[in-house]
Amino acid sequence: MVQTGDQFQTSRTYTHEDVIQFGEMTGDFGKHHTELDDQGRRMVHGFLTASLATKIGGQFHFIGQDITCTFIRPVYTGDTITCHTAVIKVEEHETYHRIHLFSRYLNQHGKEVITEKSEGVVLK
């Protein structure tokens, strides 16, 4: 079981194929996701980037209930994003633990691209 103060991280480098597949799954074919910019990159969908934290939550069976993301700067194909997640608070209940998380997503240059507050449960 996670405890207040626990920290986790995971990273991913996004590819053109990631963006295309996510667009097919969601139906989001905005031209900023489908057309290449002047550097040959596509902009990665914000929710594709934000989903990086689900790998962390899955490690301790976190069921998200309230998630707030702030999208600070774009992510492009070829960027490597690292999600740093901290357990802010754990509340004990009869059949579950309520977990409060805070995540920072940084690109390969150390620039913040997303911040995320999430709250959910881990069943006992």
PDB file of N, CA and C in Angstrom:
ATOM      1  N   MET A   1       0.838  -1.187   0.000  1.00  0.00           N
ATOM      2  CA  MET A   1       0.000   0.000   0.000  1.00  0.00           C
ATOM      3  C   MET A   1       0.884   1.252   0.000  1.00  0.00           C
ATOM      4  N   VAL A   2       0.477   2.259  -0.744  1.00  0.00           N
ATOM      5  CA  VAL A   2       1.252   3.500  -0.798  1.00  0.00           C
ATOM      6  C   VAL A   2       1.068   4.302   0.478  1.00  0.00           C
ATOM      7  N   GLN A   3       2.033   5.156   0.734  1.00  0.00           N
ATOM      8  CA  GLN A   3       1.996   6.004   1.922  1.00  0.00           C
ATOM      9  C   GLN A   3       2.270   7.440   1.516  1.00  0.00           C
ATOM     10  N   THR A   4       1.809   8.362   2.332  1.00  0.00           N
ATOM     11  CA  THR A   4       2.099   9.773   2.118  1.00  0.00           C
ATOM     12  C   THR A   4       3.607   9.953   1.983  1.00  0.00           C
ATOM     13  N   GLY A   5       4.013  10.682   0.953  1.00  0.00           N
ATOM     14  CA  GLY A   5       5.427  10.927   0.707  1.00  0.00           C
ATOM     15  C   GLY A   5       6.057   9.999  -0.319  1.00  0.00           C
ATOM     16  N   ASP A   6       5.393   8.881  -0.636  1.00  0.00           N
ATOM     17  CA  ASP A   6       5.939   7.989  -1.664  1.00  0.00           C
ATOM     18  C   ASP A   6       6.039   8.741  -2.989  1.00  0.00           C
ATOM     19  N   GLN A   7       7.065   8.413  -3.771  1.00  0.00           N
ATOM     20  CA  GLN A   7       7.265   9.052  -5.072  1.00  0.00           C
ATOM     21  C   GLN A   7       7.544   7.991  -6.130  1.00  0.00           C
ATOM     22  N   PHE A   8       7.057   8.298  -7.344  1.00  0.00           N
ATOM     23  CA  PHE A   8       7.191   7.383  -8.470  1.00  0.00           C
ATOM     24  C   PHE A   8       7.552   8.203  -9.704  1.00  0.00           C
ATOM     25  N   GLN A   9       8.110   7.532 -10.702  1.00  0.00           N
ATOM     26  CA  GLN A   9       8.319   8.206 -11.982  1.00  0.00           C
ATOM     27  C   GLN A   9       8.322   7.188 -13.107  1.00  0.00           C
ATOM     28  N   THR A  10       7.953   7.674 -14.284  1.00  0.00           N
ATOM     29  CA  THR A  10       7.999   6.883 -15.504  1.00  0.00           C
ATOM     30  C   THR A  10       8.229   7.824 -16.671  1.00  0.00           C
ATOM     31  N   SER A  11       8.827   7.310 -17.746  1.00  0.00           N
ATOM     32  CA  SER A  11       9.149   8.138 -18.907  1.00  0.00           C
ATOM     33  C   SER A  11       8.697   7.462 -20.190  1.00  0.00           C
ATOM     34  N   ARG A  12       8.507   8.290 -21.216  1.00  0.00           N
ATOM     35  CA  ARG A  12       8.166   7.788 -22.544  1.00  0.00           C
ATOM     36  C   ARG A  12       8.616   8.803 -23.584  1.00  0.00           C
ATOM     37  N   THR A  13       9.123   8.296 -24.702  1.00  0.00           N
ATOM     38  CA  THR A  13       9.421   9.126 -25.864  1.00  0.00           C
ATOM     39  C   THR A  13       8.305   8.885 -26.871  1.00  0.00           C
ATOM     40  N   TYR A  14       7.638   9.956 -27.273  1.00  0.00           N
ATOM     41  CA  TYR A  14       6.471   9.845 -28.147  1.00  0.00           C
ATOM     42  C   TYR A  14       6.874   9.804 -29.613  1.00  0.00           C
ATOM     43  N   THR A  15       6.174   8.950 -30.377  1.00  0.00           N
ATOM     44  CA  THR A  15       6.463   8.738 -31.788  1.00  0.00           C
ATOM     45  C   THR A  15       5.293   9.209 -32.649  1.00  0.00           C
ATOM     46  N   HIS A  16       5.537   9.316 -33.955  1.00  0.00           N
ATOM     47  CA  HIS A  16       4.457   9.638 -34.895  1.00  0.00           C
ATOM     48  C   HIS A  16       3.361   8.581 -34.803  1.00  0.00           C
ATOM     49  N   GLU A  17       3.757   7.324 -34.695  1.00  0.00           N
ATOM     50  CA  GLU A  17       2.774   6.230 -34.611  1.00  0.00           C
ATOM     51  C   GLU A  17       1.890   6.363 -33.371  1.00  0.00           C
ATOM     52  N   ASP A  18       2.462   6.785 -32.222  1.00  0.00           N
ATOM     53  CA  ASP A  18       1.665   7.013 -31.014  1.00  0.00           C
ATOM     54  C   ASP A  18       0.558   8.029 -31.281  1.00  0.00           C
ATOM     55  N   VAL A  19       0.925   9.125 -31.934  1.00  0.00           N
ATOM     56  CA  VAL A  19      -0.032  10.208 -32.204  1.00  0.00           C
ATOM     57  C   VAL A  19      -1.108   9.725 -33.172  1.00  0.00           C
ATOM     58  N   ILE A  20      -0.714   9.020 -34.198  1.00  0.00           N
ATOM     59  CA  ILE A  20      -1.678   8.517 -35.182  1.00  0.00           C
ATOM     60  C   ILE A  20      -2.645   7.533 -34.523  1.00  0.00           C
ATOM     61  N   GLN A  21      -2.129   6.595 -33.738  1.00  0.00           N
ATOM     62  CA  GLN A  21      -2.990   5.610 -33.080  1.00  0.00           C
ATOM     63  C   GLN A  21      -3.940   6.261 -32.090  1.00  0.00           C
ATOM     64  N   PHE A  22      -3.446   7.239 -31.329  1.00  0.00           N
ATOM     65  CA  PHE A  22      -4.325   7.922 -30.368  1.00  0.00           C
ATOM     66  C   PHE A  22      -5.418   8.685 -31.115  1.00  0.00           C
ATOM     67  N   GLY A  23      -5.065   9.320 -32.220  1.00  0.00           N
ATOM     68  CA  GLY A  23      -6.053  10.009 -33.046  1.00  0.00           C
ATOM     69  C   GLY A  23      -7.115   9.057 -33.564  1.00  0.00           C
ATOM     70  N   GLU A  24      -6.703   7.866 -33.978  1.00  0.00           N
ATOM     71  CA  GLU A  24      -7.672   6.869 -34.445  1.00  0.00           C
ATOM     72  C   GLU A  24      -8.583   6.405 -33.320  1.00  0.00           C
ATOM     73  N   MET A  25      -8.031   6.241 -32.124  1.00  0.00           N
ATOM     74  CA  MET A  25      -8.839   5.792 -30.980  1.00  0.00           C
ATOM     75  C   MET A  25      -9.830   6.859 -30.541  1.00  0.00           C
ATOM     76  N   THR A  26      -9.424   8.121 -30.569  1.00  0.00           N
ATOM     77  CA  THR A  26     -10.259   9.190 -30.018  1.00  0.00           C
ATOM     78  C   THR A  26     -11.047   9.952 -31.077  1.00  0.00           C
ATOM     79  N   GLY A  27     -10.615   9.867 -32.325  1.00  0.00           N
ATOM     80  CA  GLY A  27     -11.247  10.661 -33.384  1.00  0.00           C
ATOM     81  C   GLY A  27     -10.728  12.085 -33.454  1.00  0.00           C
ATOM     82  N   ASP A  28      -9.677  12.393 -32.693  1.00  0.00           N
ATOM     83  CA  ASP A  28      -9.099  13.741 -32.714  1.00  0.00           C
ATOM     84  C   ASP A  28      -8.050  13.812 -33.812  1.00  0.00           C
ATOM     85  N   PHE A  29      -8.468  14.368 -34.954  1.00  0.00           N
ATOM     86  CA  PHE A  29      -7.576  14.508 -36.096  1.00  0.00           C
ATOM     87  C   PHE A  29      -7.265  15.978 -36.380  1.00  0.00           C
ATOM     88  N   GLY A  30      -7.184  16.786 -35.304  1.00  0.00           N
ATOM     89  CA  GLY A  30      -6.810  18.185 -35.479  1.00  0.00           C
ATOM     90  C   GLY A  30      -5.525  18.284 -36.278  1.00  0.00           C
ATOM     91  N   LYS A  31      -5.447  19.294 -37.153  1.00  0.00           N
ATOM     92  CA  LYS A  31      -4.287  19.361 -38.047  1.00  0.00           C
ATOM     93  C   LYS A  31      -2.966  19.492 -37.297  1.00  0.00           C
ATOM     94  N   HIS A  32      -2.980  20.053 -36.079  1.00  0.00           N
ATOM     95  CA  HIS A  32      -1.749  20.144 -35.294  1.00  0.00           C
ATOM     96  C   HIS A  32      -1.256  18.755 -34.867  1.00  0.00           C
ATOM     97  N   HIS A  33      -2.151  17.746 -34.914  1.00  0.00           N
ATOM     98  CA  HIS A  33      -1.754  16.371 -34.603  1.00  0.00           C
ATOM     99  C   HIS A  33      -1.446  15.560 -35.858  1.00  0.00           C
ATOM    100  N   THR A  34      -1.906  16.014 -37.007  1.00  0.00           N
ATOM    101  CA  THR A  34      -1.743  15.216 -38.233  1.00  0.00           C
ATOM    102  C   THR A  34      -0.710  15.792 -39.196  1.00  0.00           C
ATOM    103  N   GLU A  35      -0.552  17.109 -39.192  1.00  0.00           N
ATOM    104  CA  GLU A  35       0.411  17.730 -40.109  1.00  0.00           C
ATOM    105  C   GLU A  35       1.735  17.958 -39.388  1.00  0.00           C
ATOM    106  N   LEU A  36       2.808  17.786 -40.118  1.00  0.00           N
ATOM    107  CA  LEU A  36       4.137  17.998 -39.549  1.00  0.00           C
ATOM    108  C   LEU A  36       4.446  19.483 -39.470  1.00  0.00           C
ATOM    109  N   ASP A  37       5.129  19.886 -38.394  1.00  0.00           N
ATOM    110  CA  ASP A  37       5.564  21.280 -38.304  1.00  0.00           C
ATOM    111  C   ASP A  37       6.840  21.462 -39.119  1.00  0.00           C
ATOM    112  N   ASP A  38       7.433  22.645 -39.050  1.00  0.00           N
ATOM    113  CA  ASP A  38       8.623  22.931 -39.857  1.00  0.00           C
ATOM    114  C   ASP A  38       9.849  22.132 -39.414  1.00  0.00           C
ATOM    115  N   GLN A  39       9.741  21.434 -38.277  1.00  0.00           N
ATOM    116  CA  GLN A  39      10.838  20.579 -37.813  1.00  0.00           C
ATOM    117  C   GLN A  39      10.519  19.091 -38.005  1.00  0.00           C
ATOM    118  N   GLY A  40       9.412  18.805 -38.719  1.00  0.00           N
ATOM    119  CA  GLY A  40       9.045  17.418 -39.000  1.00  0.00           C
ATOM    120  C   GLY A  40       8.397  16.696 -37.834  1.00  0.00           C
ATOM    121  N   ARG A  41       7.809  17.455 -36.907  1.00  0.00           N
ATOM    122  CA  ARG A  41       7.202  16.873 -35.716  1.00  0.00           C
ATOM    123  C   ARG A  41       5.676  17.018 -35.768  1.00  0.00           C
ATOM    124  N   ARG A  42       5.003  16.164 -35.025  1.00  0.00           N
ATOM    125  CA  ARG A  42       3.572  16.320 -34.769  1.00  0.00           C
ATOM    126  C   ARG A  42       3.409  16.698 -33.303  1.00  0.00           C
ATOM    127  N   MET A  43       2.371  17.479 -32.998  1.00  0.00           N
ATOM    128  CA  MET A  43       2.066  17.776 -31.603  1.00  0.00           C
ATOM    129  C   MET A  43       1.354  16.556 -31.006  1.00  0.00           C
ATOM    130  N   VAL A  44       1.818  16.113 -29.860  1.00  0.00           N
ATOM    131  CA  VAL A  44       1.223  14.975 -29.155  1.00  0.00           C
ATOM    132  C   VAL A  44      -0.051  15.458 -28.459  1.00  0.00           C
ATOM    133  N   HIS A  45      -1.105  14.664 -28.542  1.00  0.00           N
ATOM    134  CA  HIS A  45      -2.357  14.988 -27.852  1.00  0.00           C
ATOM    135  C   HIS A  45      -2.085  15.184 -26.356  1.00  0.00           C
ATOM    136  N   GLY A  46      -2.713  16.187 -25.772  1.00  0.00           N
ATOM    137  CA  GLY A  46      -2.521  16.456 -24.345  1.00  0.00           C
ATOM    138  C   GLY A  46      -2.910  15.282 -23.469  1.00  0.00           C
ATOM    139  N   PHE A  47      -4.046  14.648 -23.789  1.00  0.00           N
ATOM    140  CA  PHE A  47      -4.481  13.537 -22.949  1.00  0.00           C
ATOM    141  C   PHE A  47      -3.641  12.283 -23.169  1.00  0.00           C
ATOM    142  N   LEU A  48      -3.015  12.159 -24.329  1.00  0.00           N
ATOM    143  CA  LEU A  48      -2.071  11.061 -24.522  1.00  0.00           C
ATOM    144  C   LEU A  48      -0.877  11.267 -23.592  1.00  0.00           C
ATOM    145  N   THR A  49      -0.371  12.483 -23.536  1.00  0.00           N
ATOM    146  CA  THR A  49       0.742  12.782 -22.633  1.00  0.00           C
ATOM    147  C   THR A  49       0.320  12.566 -21.179  1.00  0.00           C
ATOM    148  N   ALA A  50      -0.846  13.093 -20.806  1.00  0.00           N
ATOM    149  CA  ALA A  50      -1.316  12.997 -19.419  1.00  0.00           C
ATOM    150  C   ALA A  50      -1.576  11.558 -18.992  1.00  0.00           C
ATOM    151  N   SER A  51      -1.810  10.678 -19.956  1.00  0.00           N
ATOM    152  CA  SER A  51      -2.084   9.280 -19.602  1.00  0.00           C
ATOM    153  C   SER A  51      -0.839   8.555 -19.089  1.00  0.00           C
ATOM    154  N   LEU A  52       0.307   9.176 -19.183  1.00  0.00           N
ATOM    155  CA  LEU A  52       1.537   8.566 -18.680  1.00  0.00           C
ATOM    156  C   LEU A  52       1.409   8.189 -17.199  1.00  0.00           C
ATOM    157  N   ALA A  53       0.666   8.970 -16.432  1.00  0.00           N
ATOM    158  CA  ALA A  53       0.502   8.684 -15.004  1.00  0.00           C
ATOM    159  C   ALA A  53      -0.295   7.409 -14.747  1.00  0.00           C
ATOM    160  N   THR A  54      -1.052   6.945 -15.735  1.00  0.00           N
ATOM    161  CA  THR A  54      -1.832   5.725 -15.506  1.00  0.00           C
ATOM    162  C   THR A  54      -0.932   4.514 -15.289  1.00  0.00           C
ATOM    163  N   LYS A  55       0.260   4.541 -15.860  1.00  0.00           N
ATOM    164  CA  LYS A  55       1.213   3.451 -15.617  1.00  0.00           C
ATOM    165  C   LYS A  55       1.589   3.417 -14.139  1.00  0.00           C
ATOM    166  N   ILE A  56       1.771   4.584 -13.561  1.00  0.00           N
ATOM    167  CA  ILE A  56       2.124   4.668 -12.141  1.00  0.00           C
ATOM    168  C   ILE A  56       0.951   4.203 -11.282  1.00  0.00           C
ATOM    169  N   GLY A  57      -0.229   4.743 -11.531  1.00  0.00           N
ATOM    170  CA  GLY A  57      -1.401   4.366 -10.748  1.00  0.00           C
ATOM    171  C   GLY A  57      -1.716   2.882 -10.838  1.00  0.00           C
ATOM    172  N   GLY A  58      -1.474   2.304 -12.009  1.00  0.00           N
ATOM    173  CA  GLY A  58      -1.726   0.877 -12.183  1.00  0.00           C
ATOM    174  C   GLY A  58      -0.850   0.004 -11.303  1.00  0.00           C
ATOM    175  N   GLN A  59       0.304   0.518 -10.906  1.00  0.00           N
ATOM    176  CA  GLN A  59       1.205  -0.253 -10.045  1.00  0.00           C
ATOM    177  C   GLN A  59       0.603  -0.507  -8.672  1.00  0.00           C
ATOM    178  N   PHE A  60      -0.277   0.394  -8.212  1.00  0.00           N
ATOM    179  CA  PHE A  60      -0.888   0.185  -6.893  1.00  0.00           C
ATOM    180  C   PHE A  60      -2.414   0.171  -6.969  1.00  0.00           C
ATOM    181  N   HIS A  61      -2.961  -0.089  -8.174  1.00  0.00           N
ATOM    182  CA  HIS A  61      -4.392  -0.324  -8.399  1.00  0.00           C
ATOM    183  C   HIS A  61      -5.246   0.893  -8.069  1.00  0.00           C
ATOM    184  N   PHE A  62      -4.725   2.060  -8.405  1.00  0.00           N
ATOM    185  CA  PHE A  62      -5.401   3.346  -8.195  1.00  0.00           C
ATOM    186  C   PHE A  62      -6.574   3.469  -9.169  1.00  0.00           C
ATOM    187  N   ILE A  63      -7.747   3.789  -8.645  1.00  0.00           N
ATOM    188  CA  ILE A  63      -8.929   4.056  -9.461  1.00  0.00           C
ATOM    189  C   ILE A  63      -9.186   5.559  -9.390  1.00  0.00           C
ATOM    190  N   GLY A  64      -8.854   6.263 -10.456  1.00  0.00           N
ATOM    191  CA  GLY A  64      -8.997   7.715 -10.475  1.00  0.00           C
ATOM    192  C   GLY A  64     -10.453   8.148 -10.468  1.00  0.00           C
ATOM    193  N   GLN A  65     -10.749   9.194  -9.699  1.00  0.00           N
ATOM    194  CA  GLN A  65     -12.104   9.727  -9.633  1.00  0.00           C
ATOM    195  C   GLN A  65     -12.157  11.209  -9.985  1.00  0.00           C
ATOM    196  N   ASP A  66     -11.118  11.931  -9.665  1.00  0.00           N
ATOM    197  CA  ASP A  66     -11.090  13.369  -9.942  1.00  0.00           C
ATOM    198  C   ASP A  66      -9.670  13.718 -10.385  1.00  0.00           C
ATOM    199  N   ILE A  67      -9.551  14.168 -11.624  1.00  0.00           N
ATOM    200  CA  ILE A  67      -8.224  14.475 -12.173  1.00  0.00           C
ATOM    201  C   ILE A  67      -8.280  15.856 -12.819  1.00  0.00           C
ATOM    202  N   THR A  68      -7.365  16.727 -12.422  1.00  0.00           N
ATOM    203  CA  THR A  68      -7.288  18.070 -12.984  1.00  0.00           C
ATOM    204  C   THR A  68      -5.899  18.264 -13.572  1.00  0.00           C
ATOM    205  N   CYS A  69      -5.869  18.547 -14.871  1.00  0.00           N
ATOM    206  CA  CYS A  69      -4.596  18.750 -15.564  1.00  0.00           C
ATOM    207  C   CYS A  69      -4.466  20.208 -15.989  1.00  0.00           C
ATOM    208  N   THR A  70      -3.271  20.734 -15.864  1.00  0.00           N
ATOM    209  CA  THR A  70      -2.927  22.033 -16.420  1.00  0.00           C
ATOM    210  C   THR A  70      -1.873  21.790 -17.488  1.00  0.00           C
ATOM    211  N   PHE A  71      -2.220  22.132 -18.724  1.00  0.00           N
ATOM    212  CA  PHE A  71      -1.327  21.920 -19.860  1.00  0.00           C
ATOM    213  C   PHE A  71      -0.520  23.195 -20.074  1.00  0.00           C
ATOM    214  N   ILE A  72       0.775  23.122 -19.836  1.00  0.00           N
ATOM    215  CA  ILE A  72       1.636  24.298 -19.784  1.00  0.00           C
ATOM    216  C   ILE A  72       2.312  24.589 -21.118  1.00  0.00           C
ATOM    217  N   ARG A  73       2.837  23.567 -21.760  1.00  0.00           N
ATOM    218  CA  ARG A  73       3.490  23.754 -23.058  1.00  0.00           C
ATOM    219  C   ARG A  73       3.296  22.488 -23.876  1.00  0.00           C
ATOM    220  N   PRO A  74       3.378  22.612 -25.200  1.00  0.00           N
ATOM    221  CA  PRO A  74       3.136  21.445 -26.044  1.00  0.00           C
ATOM    222  C   PRO A  74       4.243  20.403 -25.968  1.00  0.00           C
ATOM    223  N   VAL A  75       3.850  19.189 -26.308  1.00  0.00           N
ATOM    224  CA  VAL A  75       4.771  18.063 -26.430  1.00  0.00           C
ATOM    225  C   VAL A  75       4.743  17.644 -27.894  1.00  0.00           C
ATOM    226  N   TYR A  76       5.904  17.326 -28.443  1.00  0.00           N
ATOM    227  CA  TYR A  76       6.012  16.938 -29.846  1.00  0.00           C
ATOM    228  C   TYR A  76       6.605  15.546 -29.961  1.00  0.00           C
ATOM    229  N   THR A  77       6.354  14.911 -31.104  1.00  0.00           N
ATOM    230  CA  THR A  77       6.976  13.623 -31.354  1.00  0.00           C
ATOM    231  C   THR A  77       8.489  13.799 -31.252  1.00  0.00           C
ATOM    232  N   GLY A  78       9.115  12.801 -30.659  1.00  0.00           N
ATOM    233  CA  GLY A  78      10.551  12.863 -30.395  1.00  0.00           C
ATOM    234  C   GLY A  78      10.868  13.352 -28.998  1.00  0.00           C
ATOM    235  N   ASP A  79       9.914  14.013 -28.335  1.00  0.00           N
ATOM    236  CA  ASP A  79      10.132  14.471 -26.958  1.00  0.00           C
ATOM    237  C   ASP A  79      10.044  13.283 -26.002  1.00  0.00           C
ATOM    238  N   THR A  80      10.889  13.313 -24.991  1.00  0.00           N
ATOM    239  CA  THR A  80      10.826  12.333 -23.908  1.00  0.00           C
ATOM    240  C   THR A  80      10.251  13.036 -22.693  1.00  0.00           C
ATOM    241  N   ILE A  81       9.143  12.514 -22.208  1.00  0.00           N
ATOM    242  CA  ILE A  81       8.453  13.105 -21.064  1.00  0.00           C
ATOM    243  C   ILE A  81       8.612  12.179 -19.869  1.00  0.00           C
ATOM    244  N   THR A  82       8.949  12.766 -18.725  1.00  0.00           N
ATOM    245  CA  THR A  82       9.025  12.019 -17.470  1.00  0.00           C
ATOM    246  C   THR A  82       7.952  12.546 -16.540  1.00  0.00           C
ATOM    247  N   CYS A  83       7.141  11.627 -16.047  1.00  0.00           N
ATOM    248  CA  CYS A  83       6.083  11.954 -15.096  1.00  0.00           C
ATOM    249  C   CYS A  83       6.589  11.621 -13.693  1.00  0.00           C
ATOM    250  N   HIS A  84       6.624  12.638 -12.840  1.00  0.00           N
ATOM    251  CA  HIS A  84       7.018  12.490 -11.433  1.00  0.00           C
ATOM    252  C   HIS A  84       5.752  12.603 -10.599  1.00  0.00           C
ATOM    253  N   THR A  85       5.413  11.555  -9.866  1.00  0.00           N
ATOM    254  CA  THR A  85       4.181  11.539  -9.082  1.00  0.00           C
ATOM    255  C   THR A  85       4.508  11.358  -7.613  1.00  0.00           C
ATOM    256  N   ALA A  86       3.871  12.185  -6.775  1.00  0.00           N
ATOM    257  CA  ALA A  86       4.041  12.097  -5.322  1.00  0.00           C
ATOM    258  C   ALA A  86       2.689  11.829  -4.676  1.00  0.00           C
ATOM    259  N   VAL A  87       2.702  10.974  -3.671  1.00  0.00           N
ATOM    260  CA  VAL A  87       1.506  10.721  -2.874  1.00  0.00           C
ATOM    261  C   VAL A  87       1.431  11.830  -1.832  1.00  0.00           C
ATOM    262  N   ILE A  88       0.397  12.658  -1.949  1.00  0.00           N
ATOM    263  CA  ILE A  88       0.245  13.819  -1.070  1.00  0.00           C
ATOM    264  C   ILE A  88      -0.458  13.451   0.239  1.00  0.00           C
ATOM    265  N   LYS A  89      -1.469  12.583   0.121  1.00  0.00           N
ATOM    266  CA  LYS A  89      -2.238  12.230   1.320  1.00  0.00           C
ATOM    267  C   LYS A  89      -2.906  10.882   1.092  1.00  0.00           C
ATOM    268  N   VAL A  90      -2.983  10.083   2.154  1.00  0.00           N
ATOM    269  CA  VAL A  90      -3.719   8.818   2.141  1.00  0.00           C
ATOM    270  C   VAL A  90      -4.705   8.857   3.295  1.00  0.00           C
ATOM    271  N   GLU A  91      -5.980   8.670   2.966  1.00  0.00           N
ATOM    272  CA  GLU A  91      -7.033   8.648   3.985  1.00  0.00           C
ATOM    273  C   GLU A  91      -7.579   7.230   4.104  1.00  0.00           C
ATOM    274  N   GLU A  92      -7.644   6.741   5.327  1.00  0.00           N
ATOM    275  CA  GLU A  92      -8.115   5.390   5.610  1.00  0.00           C
ATOM    276  C   GLU A  92      -9.636   5.390   5.740  1.00  0.00           C
ATOM    277  N   HIS A  93     -10.279   4.494   4.993  1.00  0.00           N
ATOM    278  CA  HIS A  93     -11.729   4.287   5.098  1.00  0.00           C
ATOM    279  C   HIS A  93     -11.972   2.800   5.305  1.00  0.00           C
ATOM    280  N   GLU A  94     -13.203   2.436   5.589  1.00  0.00           N
ATOM    281  CA  GLU A  94     -13.510   1.055   5.938  1.00  0.00           C
ATOM    282  C   GLU A  94     -13.143   0.056   4.839  1.00  0.00           C
ATOM    283  N   THR A  95     -13.502   0.370   3.599  1.00  0.00           N
ATOM    284  CA  THR A  95     -13.289  -0.596   2.510  1.00  0.00           C
ATOM    285  C   THR A  95     -12.281  -0.126   1.456  1.00  0.00           C
ATOM    286  N   TYR A  96     -11.735   1.069   1.649  1.00  0.00           N
ATOM    287  CA  TYR A  96     -10.801   1.608   0.653  1.00  0.00           C
ATOM    288  C   TYR A  96      -9.903   2.652   1.297  1.00  0.00           C
ATOM    289  N   HIS A  97      -8.863   3.029   0.556  1.00  0.00           N
ATOM    290  CA  HIS A  97      -7.996   4.150   0.914  1.00  0.00           C
ATOM    291  C   HIS A  97      -8.259   5.245  -0.116  1.00  0.00           C
ATOM    292  N   ARG A  98      -8.457   6.487   0.314  1.00  0.00           N
ATOM    293  CA  ARG A  98      -8.568   7.621  -0.609  1.00  0.00           C
ATOM    294  C   ARG A  98      -7.158   8.184  -0.767  1.00  0.00           C
ATOM    295  N   ILE A  99      -6.713   8.275  -2.011  1.00  0.00           N
ATOM    296  CA  ILE A  99      -5.345   8.665  -2.322  1.00  0.00           C
ATOM    297  C   ILE A  99      -5.356  10.000  -3.058  1.00  0.00           C
ATOM    298  N   HIS A 100      -4.514  10.929  -2.632  1.00  0.00           N
ATOM    299  CA  HIS A 100      -4.336  12.223  -3.290  1.00  0.00           C
ATOM    300  C   HIS A 100      -2.936  12.247  -3.894  1.00  0.00           C
ATOM    301  N   LEU A 101      -2.862  12.524  -5.190  1.00  0.00           N
ATOM    302  CA  LEU A 101      -1.578  12.526  -5.904  1.00  0.00           C
ATOM    303  C   LEU A 101      -1.320  13.879  -6.547  1.00  0.00           C
ATOM    304  N   PHE A 102      -0.052  14.197  -6.728  1.00  0.00           N
ATOM    305  CA  PHE A 102       0.337  15.359  -7.522  1.00  0.00           C
ATOM    306  C   PHE A 102       1.428  14.901  -8.486  1.00  0.00           C
ATOM    307  N   SER A 103       1.246  15.230  -9.761  1.00  0.00           N
ATOM    308  CA  SER A 103       2.214  14.815 -10.786  1.00  0.00           C
ATOM    309  C   SER A 103       2.740  16.026 -11.543  1.00  0.00           C
ATOM    310  N   ARG A 104       4.019  15.968 -11.851  1.00  0.00           N
ATOM    311  CA  ARG A 104       4.679  16.957 -12.722  1.00  0.00           C
ATOM    312  C   ARG A 104       5.254  16.197 -13.901  1.00  0.00           C
ATOM    313  N   TYR A 105       4.984  16.699 -15.078  1.00  0.00           N
ATOM    314  CA  TYR A 105       5.498  16.103 -16.308  1.00  0.00           C
ATOM    315  C   TYR A 105       6.554  17.049 -16.862  1.00  0.00           C
ATOM    316  N   LEU A 106       7.768  16.531 -17.054  1.00  0.00           N
ATOM    317  CA  LEU A 106       8.875  17.337 -17.550  1.00  0.00           C
ATOM    318  C   LEU A 106       9.375  16.757 -18.871  1.00  0.00           C
ATOM    319  N   ASN A 107       9.744  17.661 -19.794  1.00  0.00           N
ATOM    320  CA  ASN A 107      10.339  17.185 -21.044  1.00  0.00           C
ATOM    321  C   ASN A 107      11.830  16.946 -20.856  1.00  0.00           C
ATOM    322  N   GLN A 108      12.485  16.516 -21.914  1.00  0.00           N
ATOM    323  CA  GLN A 108      13.907  16.162 -21.847  1.00  0.00           C
ATOM    324  C   GLN A 108      14.795  17.352 -21.541  1.00  0.00           C
ATOM    325  N   HIS A 109      14.250  18.560 -21.612  1.00  0.00           N
ATOM    326  CA  HIS A 109      15.012  19.774 -21.282  1.00  0.00           C
ATOM    327  C   HIS A 109      14.729  20.250 -19.854  1.00  0.00           C
ATOM    328  N   GLY A 110      13.946  19.453 -19.100  1.00  0.00           N
ATOM    329  CA  GLY A 110      13.601  19.817 -17.729  1.00  0.00           C
ATOM    330  C   GLY A 110      12.496  20.844 -17.631  1.00  0.00           C
ATOM    331  N   LYS A 111      11.813  21.118 -18.740  1.00  0.00           N
ATOM    332  CA  LYS A 111      10.721  22.103 -18.740  1.00  0.00           C
ATOM    333  C   LYS A 111       9.409  21.394 -18.415  1.00  0.00           C
ATOM    334  N   GLU A 112       8.638  22.023 -17.550  1.00  0.00           N
ATOM    335  CA  GLU A 112       7.352  21.477 -17.153  1.00  0.00           C
ATOM    336  C   GLU A 112       6.360  21.585 -18.303  1.00  0.00           C
ATOM    337  N   VAL A 113       5.681  20.473 -18.612  1.00  0.00           N
ATOM    338  CA  VAL A 113       4.690  20.482 -19.683  1.00  0.00           C
ATOM    339  C   VAL A 113       3.264  20.293 -19.159  1.00  0.00           C
ATOM    340  N   ILE A 114       3.111  19.586 -18.066  1.00  0.00           N
ATOM    341  CA  ILE A 114       1.790  19.370 -17.441  1.00  0.00           C
ATOM    342  C   ILE A 114       1.987  19.297 -15.933  1.00  0.00           C
ATOM    343  N   THR A 115       1.010  19.815 -15.192  1.00  0.00           N
ATOM    344  CA  THR A 115       0.882  19.482 -13.776  1.00  0.00           C
ATOM    345  C   THR A 115      -0.489  18.838 -13.619  1.00  0.00           C
ATOM    346  N   GLU A 116      -0.579  17.943 -12.655  1.00  0.00           N
ATOM    347  CA  GLU A 116      -1.815  17.167 -12.502  1.00  0.00           C
ATOM    348  C   GLU A 116      -2.080  16.877 -11.035  1.00  0.00           C
ATOM    349  N   LYS A 117      -3.294  17.160 -10.604  1.00  0.00           N
ATOM    350  CA  LYS A 117      -3.760  16.749  -9.276  1.00  0.00           C
ATOM    351  C   LYS A 117      -4.787  15.659  -9.497  1.00  0.00           C
ATOM    352  N   SER A 118      -4.652  14.582  -8.759  1.00  0.00           N
ATOM    353  CA  SER A 118      -5.629  13.506  -8.903  1.00  0.00           C
ATOM    354  C   SER A 118      -5.993  12.940  -7.549  1.00  0.00           C
ATOM    355  N   GLU A 119      -7.204  12.447  -7.503  1.00  0.00           N
ATOM    356  CA  GLU A 119      -7.738  11.845  -6.293  1.00  0.00           C
ATOM    357  C   GLU A 119      -8.519  10.622  -6.703  1.00  0.00           C
ATOM    358  N   GLY A 120      -8.373   9.572  -5.937  1.00  0.00           N
ATOM    359  CA  GLY A 120      -9.093   8.348  -6.242  1.00  0.00           C
ATOM    360  C   GLY A 120      -8.968   7.383  -5.089  1.00  0.00           C
ATOM    361  N   VAL A 121      -9.284   6.134  -5.375  1.00  0.00           N
ATOM    362  CA  VAL A 121      -9.304   5.128  -4.316  1.00  0.00           C
ATOM    363  C   VAL A 121      -8.465   3.919  -4.692  1.00  0.00           C
ATOM    364  N   VAL A 122      -8.029   3.239  -3.654  1.00  0.00           N
ATOM    365  CA  VAL A 122      -7.453   1.908  -3.759  1.00  0.00           C
ATOM    366  C   VAL A 122      -8.279   1.047  -2.849  1.00  0.00           C
ATOM    367  N   LEU A 123      -8.915   0.031  -3.436  1.00  0.00           N
ATOM    368  CA  LEU A 123      -9.780  -0.838  -2.646  1.00  0.00           C
ATOM    369  C   LEU A 123      -8.953  -1.736  -1.744  1.00  0.00           C
ATOM    370  N   LYS A 124      -9.486  -2.046  -0.583  1.00  0.00           N
ATOM    371  CA  LYS A 124      -8.787  -2.945   0.362  1.00  0.00           C
ATOM    372  C   LYS A 124      -9.005  -4.380  -0.047  1.00  0.00           C
TER     373      LYS A 124
END
